[in-house]
Protein backbone atom coordinates (compact mmCIF):
# COMPACT_ATOMS: atom_id res chain seq x y z
CA UNK A 1 149.58 -92.00 232.88
CA UNK A 2 147.72 -93.66 230.00
CA UNK A 3 150.96 -95.05 228.55
CA UNK A 4 151.87 -96.82 231.79
CA UNK A 5 148.34 -98.17 232.06
CA UNK A 6 148.54 -99.53 228.50
CA UNK A 7 151.91 -101.14 229.21
CA UNK A 8 150.57 -102.88 232.31
CA UNK A 9 147.58 -104.22 230.40
CA UNK A 10 149.91 -105.43 227.66
CA UNK A 11 152.06 -107.19 230.27
CA UNK A 12 148.99 -109.02 231.52
CA UNK A 13 148.06 -110.07 228.01
CA UNK A 14 151.55 -111.50 227.44
CA UNK A 15 151.11 -113.72 230.54
CA UNK A 16 154.79 -113.64 231.46
CA UNK A 17 155.31 -114.46 235.16
CA UNK A 18 158.31 -112.13 235.28
CA UNK A 19 155.86 -109.20 235.21
CA UNK A 20 153.89 -110.44 238.21
CA UNK A 21 155.90 -108.56 240.85
CA UNK A 22 155.51 -105.27 238.95
CA UNK A 23 151.78 -105.87 238.74
CA UNK A 24 151.43 -106.63 242.43
CA UNK A 25 153.38 -103.51 243.36
CA UNK A 26 151.02 -101.52 241.15
CA UNK A 27 148.07 -102.62 243.28
CA UNK A 28 149.21 -100.02 245.82
CA UNK A 29 149.67 -97.21 243.29
CA UNK A 30 148.08 -93.80 243.96
CA UNK A 31 146.41 -93.88 240.55
CA UNK A 32 143.09 -95.74 240.37
CA UNK A 33 143.69 -96.38 236.68
CA UNK A 34 146.99 -98.12 237.47
CA UNK A 35 145.45 -100.17 240.28
CA UNK A 36 142.67 -101.23 237.93
CA UNK A 37 145.13 -102.11 235.16
CA UNK A 38 147.18 -104.25 237.55
CA UNK A 39 144.08 -106.10 238.76
CA UNK A 40 143.06 -106.75 235.16
CA UNK A 41 146.60 -107.72 234.17
CA UNK A 42 147.02 -110.20 237.03
CA UNK A 43 143.68 -111.73 236.13
CA UNK A 44 144.80 -112.12 232.53
CA UNK A 45 147.91 -113.90 233.80
CA UNK A 46 145.75 -116.32 235.84
CA UNK A 47 147.74 -115.24 238.90
CA UNK A 48 145.76 -117.18 241.51
CA UNK A 49 148.46 -116.55 244.10
CA UNK A 50 147.80 -112.80 243.73
CA UNK A 51 144.12 -113.20 244.60
CA UNK A 52 144.56 -112.30 248.31
CA UNK A 53 146.34 -109.05 247.39
CA UNK A 54 143.65 -108.27 244.82
CA UNK A 55 140.94 -108.99 247.41
CA UNK A 56 142.45 -106.27 249.59
CA UNK A 57 141.19 -103.72 247.05
CA UNK A 58 137.56 -104.77 247.24
CA UNK A 59 136.97 -101.73 249.47
CA UNK A 60 138.82 -99.39 247.10
CA UNK A 61 137.43 -95.86 246.86
CA UNK A 62 137.26 -96.13 243.06
CA UNK A 63 134.21 -97.88 241.64
CA UNK A 64 136.10 -99.17 238.61
CA UNK A 65 138.72 -100.79 240.82
CA UNK A 66 136.06 -102.49 242.94
CA UNK A 67 134.40 -103.81 239.80
CA UNK A 68 137.71 -105.10 238.45
CA UNK A 69 138.40 -106.80 241.78
CA UNK A 70 135.03 -108.58 241.77
CA UNK A 71 135.64 -109.80 238.23
CA UNK A 72 139.17 -110.90 239.12
CA UNK A 73 138.19 -112.82 242.23
CA UNK A 74 135.38 -114.59 240.38
CA UNK A 75 137.82 -115.73 237.70
CA UNK A 76 140.79 -116.53 239.93
CA UNK A 77 139.37 -118.06 243.10
CA UNK A 78 135.68 -117.34 243.48
CA UNK A 79 134.95 -120.00 246.09
CA UNK A 80 137.61 -118.75 248.49
CA UNK A 81 136.54 -115.12 248.16
CA UNK A 82 132.79 -115.67 247.96
CA UNK A 83 132.13 -113.95 251.29
CA UNK A 84 133.78 -110.58 250.47
CA UNK A 85 132.09 -110.56 247.07
CA UNK A 86 128.76 -111.33 248.73
CA UNK A 87 129.21 -108.36 251.06
CA UNK A 88 129.34 -106.06 248.02
CA UNK A 89 125.72 -107.04 247.25
CA UNK A 90 124.59 -105.35 250.47
CA UNK A 91 123.41 -101.73 250.04
CA UNK A 92 124.60 -101.06 253.58
CA UNK A 93 128.15 -101.94 252.46
CA UNK A 94 128.21 -101.00 248.77
CA UNK A 95 126.45 -97.77 247.80
CA UNK A 96 126.99 -98.09 244.04
CA UNK A 97 124.22 -100.02 242.30
CA UNK A 98 126.41 -101.05 239.36
CA UNK A 99 128.93 -102.65 241.72
CA UNK A 100 126.16 -104.41 243.65
CA UNK A 101 124.70 -105.78 240.41
CA UNK A 102 128.11 -107.05 239.29
CA UNK A 103 128.64 -108.69 242.68
CA UNK A 104 125.24 -110.41 242.37
CA UNK A 105 126.15 -111.72 238.92
CA UNK A 106 129.48 -112.98 240.24
CA UNK A 107 127.86 -114.77 243.19
CA UNK A 108 125.34 -116.50 240.94
CA UNK A 109 128.10 -117.59 238.54
CA UNK A 110 130.15 -119.02 241.42
CA UNK A 111 127.07 -120.70 242.92
CA UNK A 112 126.61 -122.87 239.83
CA UNK A 113 129.71 -124.84 240.85
CA UNK A 114 129.17 -125.07 244.61
CA UNK A 115 128.36 -128.16 246.65
CA UNK A 116 125.26 -128.28 248.85
CA UNK A 117 127.04 -127.47 252.13
CA UNK A 118 128.21 -124.10 250.77
CA UNK A 119 124.71 -122.70 250.34
CA UNK A 120 123.30 -122.36 253.90
CA UNK A 121 125.99 -119.83 254.97
CA UNK A 122 125.27 -117.76 251.84
CA UNK A 123 121.55 -117.77 252.52
CA UNK A 124 122.19 -116.86 256.15
CA UNK A 125 124.17 -113.80 255.07
CA UNK A 126 121.46 -112.79 252.62
CA UNK A 127 118.80 -112.97 255.32
CA UNK A 128 120.54 -110.03 257.04
CA UNK A 129 120.44 -107.87 253.91
CA UNK A 130 117.68 -105.80 252.39
CA UNK A 131 116.70 -105.54 248.76
CA UNK A 132 118.36 -108.74 247.54
CA UNK A 133 115.28 -110.90 246.96
CA UNK A 134 116.26 -111.66 243.37
CA UNK A 135 119.71 -112.83 244.49
CA UNK A 136 118.20 -114.97 247.24
CA UNK A 137 115.88 -116.55 244.67
CA UNK A 138 118.78 -117.24 242.32
CA UNK A 139 120.87 -118.79 245.10
CA UNK A 140 117.96 -120.98 246.18
CA UNK A 141 117.50 -122.18 242.61
CA UNK A 142 121.17 -123.21 242.40
CA UNK A 143 120.90 -124.79 245.86
CA UNK A 144 117.93 -126.86 244.70
CA UNK A 145 119.88 -127.97 241.62
CA UNK A 146 122.74 -129.10 243.87
CA UNK A 147 120.35 -130.90 246.23
CA UNK A 148 118.77 -132.75 243.32
CA UNK A 149 122.20 -133.91 242.16
CA UNK A 150 122.96 -135.30 245.62
CA UNK A 151 119.45 -136.70 246.20
CA UNK A 152 119.34 -134.81 249.50
CA UNK A 153 116.57 -134.98 252.10
CA UNK A 154 116.88 -131.19 252.44
CA UNK A 155 115.19 -130.67 249.06
CA UNK A 156 111.63 -130.15 250.42
CA UNK A 157 112.77 -127.36 252.75
CA UNK A 158 114.77 -125.64 250.00
CA UNK A 159 111.76 -125.78 247.67
CA UNK A 160 109.60 -124.37 250.46
CA UNK A 161 112.07 -121.53 251.03
CA UNK A 162 112.11 -120.78 247.29
CA UNK A 163 108.33 -120.70 247.18
CA UNK A 164 108.20 -118.27 250.10
CA UNK A 165 110.92 -116.09 248.56
CA UNK A 166 108.98 -115.92 245.29
CA UNK A 167 105.84 -115.01 247.21
CA UNK A 168 107.76 -112.29 249.03
CA UNK A 169 108.94 -110.96 245.67
CA UNK A 170 105.31 -110.87 244.47
CA UNK A 171 105.84 -113.70 241.98
CA UNK A 172 103.02 -116.06 243.07
CA UNK A 173 102.65 -117.83 239.72
CA UNK A 174 106.28 -118.96 239.93
CA UNK A 175 105.87 -119.85 243.61
CA UNK A 176 103.17 -122.46 243.01
CA UNK A 177 105.38 -125.10 241.39
CA UNK A 178 108.13 -125.36 244.05
CA UNK A 179 105.54 -125.22 246.83
CA UNK A 180 103.53 -128.02 245.22
CA UNK A 181 106.64 -130.18 244.85
CA UNK A 182 107.74 -129.38 248.41
CA UNK A 183 104.32 -130.44 249.75
CA UNK A 184 104.31 -133.71 247.84
CA UNK A 185 107.88 -134.57 248.91
CA UNK A 186 107.30 -133.65 252.55
CA UNK A 187 104.05 -135.61 252.69
CA UNK A 188 105.54 -138.73 251.11
CA UNK A 189 108.65 -138.66 253.31
CA UNK A 190 106.80 -137.90 256.53
CA UNK A 191 109.15 -135.01 257.22
CA UNK A 192 108.37 -132.68 260.13
CA UNK A 193 110.47 -129.81 258.78
CA UNK A 194 108.99 -128.25 256.84
CA UNK A 195 105.58 -129.41 258.04
CA UNK A 196 103.28 -130.26 255.11
CA UNK A 197 100.54 -128.08 256.60
CA UNK A 198 102.83 -125.03 256.52
CA UNK A 199 103.74 -125.70 252.89
CA UNK A 200 100.06 -126.17 252.03
CA UNK A 201 99.19 -122.79 253.57
CA UNK A 202 101.89 -121.08 251.46
CA UNK A 203 100.69 -122.92 248.37
CA UNK A 204 97.10 -121.74 248.95
CA UNK A 205 98.42 -118.20 249.42
CA UNK A 206 100.33 -118.43 246.13
CA UNK A 207 97.29 -119.88 244.31
CA UNK A 208 95.02 -117.12 245.60
CA UNK A 209 97.45 -114.37 244.61
CA UNK A 210 98.03 -115.99 241.21
CA UNK A 211 94.30 -116.36 240.59
CA UNK A 212 94.80 -120.06 239.90
CA UNK A 213 91.49 -121.74 238.87
CA UNK A 214 92.83 -125.04 240.24
CA UNK A 215 93.15 -123.57 243.74
CA UNK A 216 94.58 -126.02 246.25
CA UNK A 217 94.82 -128.83 243.72
CA UNK A 218 97.57 -130.80 245.48
């Protein structure tokens, strides 16, 4: 009951490893409140070794448990469990909007710390989903930041993808800047992918939709 739930939360706050086994056993309890308390308690104890057991509850029937799991995995070992969290952003997998929104926030928080090679698989998964344009845009923005830090030759293509994603989300004013930079970088580097002409066409499209008086000024 509520007393047991309070005790479990208190155990987590104490951060005594001797309580860890009790907490992990509670992950299989019939009560959603107890499962949620154990997830929260293990997170408070920084129990990284419990992350796989916690991840097993990401499909829990209780929305509150699923939300607690997403929060726990983000805090404990977000990079390892990025894929299952990402799946909860998909309406075909997760029916609850609040859970999907929390999963999106978690993915974006994790993405801030990722290296460049981690981003293409994320973007590939997002391509198969519907209704996640804002998440795709956020991931691309973090990807571009990572590419800039590594001075990568993949930057023009990422900027091009961001511009197209912003156009697809009906945000043409925001799309102009990355498309302009992508065109200039691709042209100066002589890159074939993306082809400067393709970027230029998207830039013109963005300028037209944005009503830019400096149409095509690149």
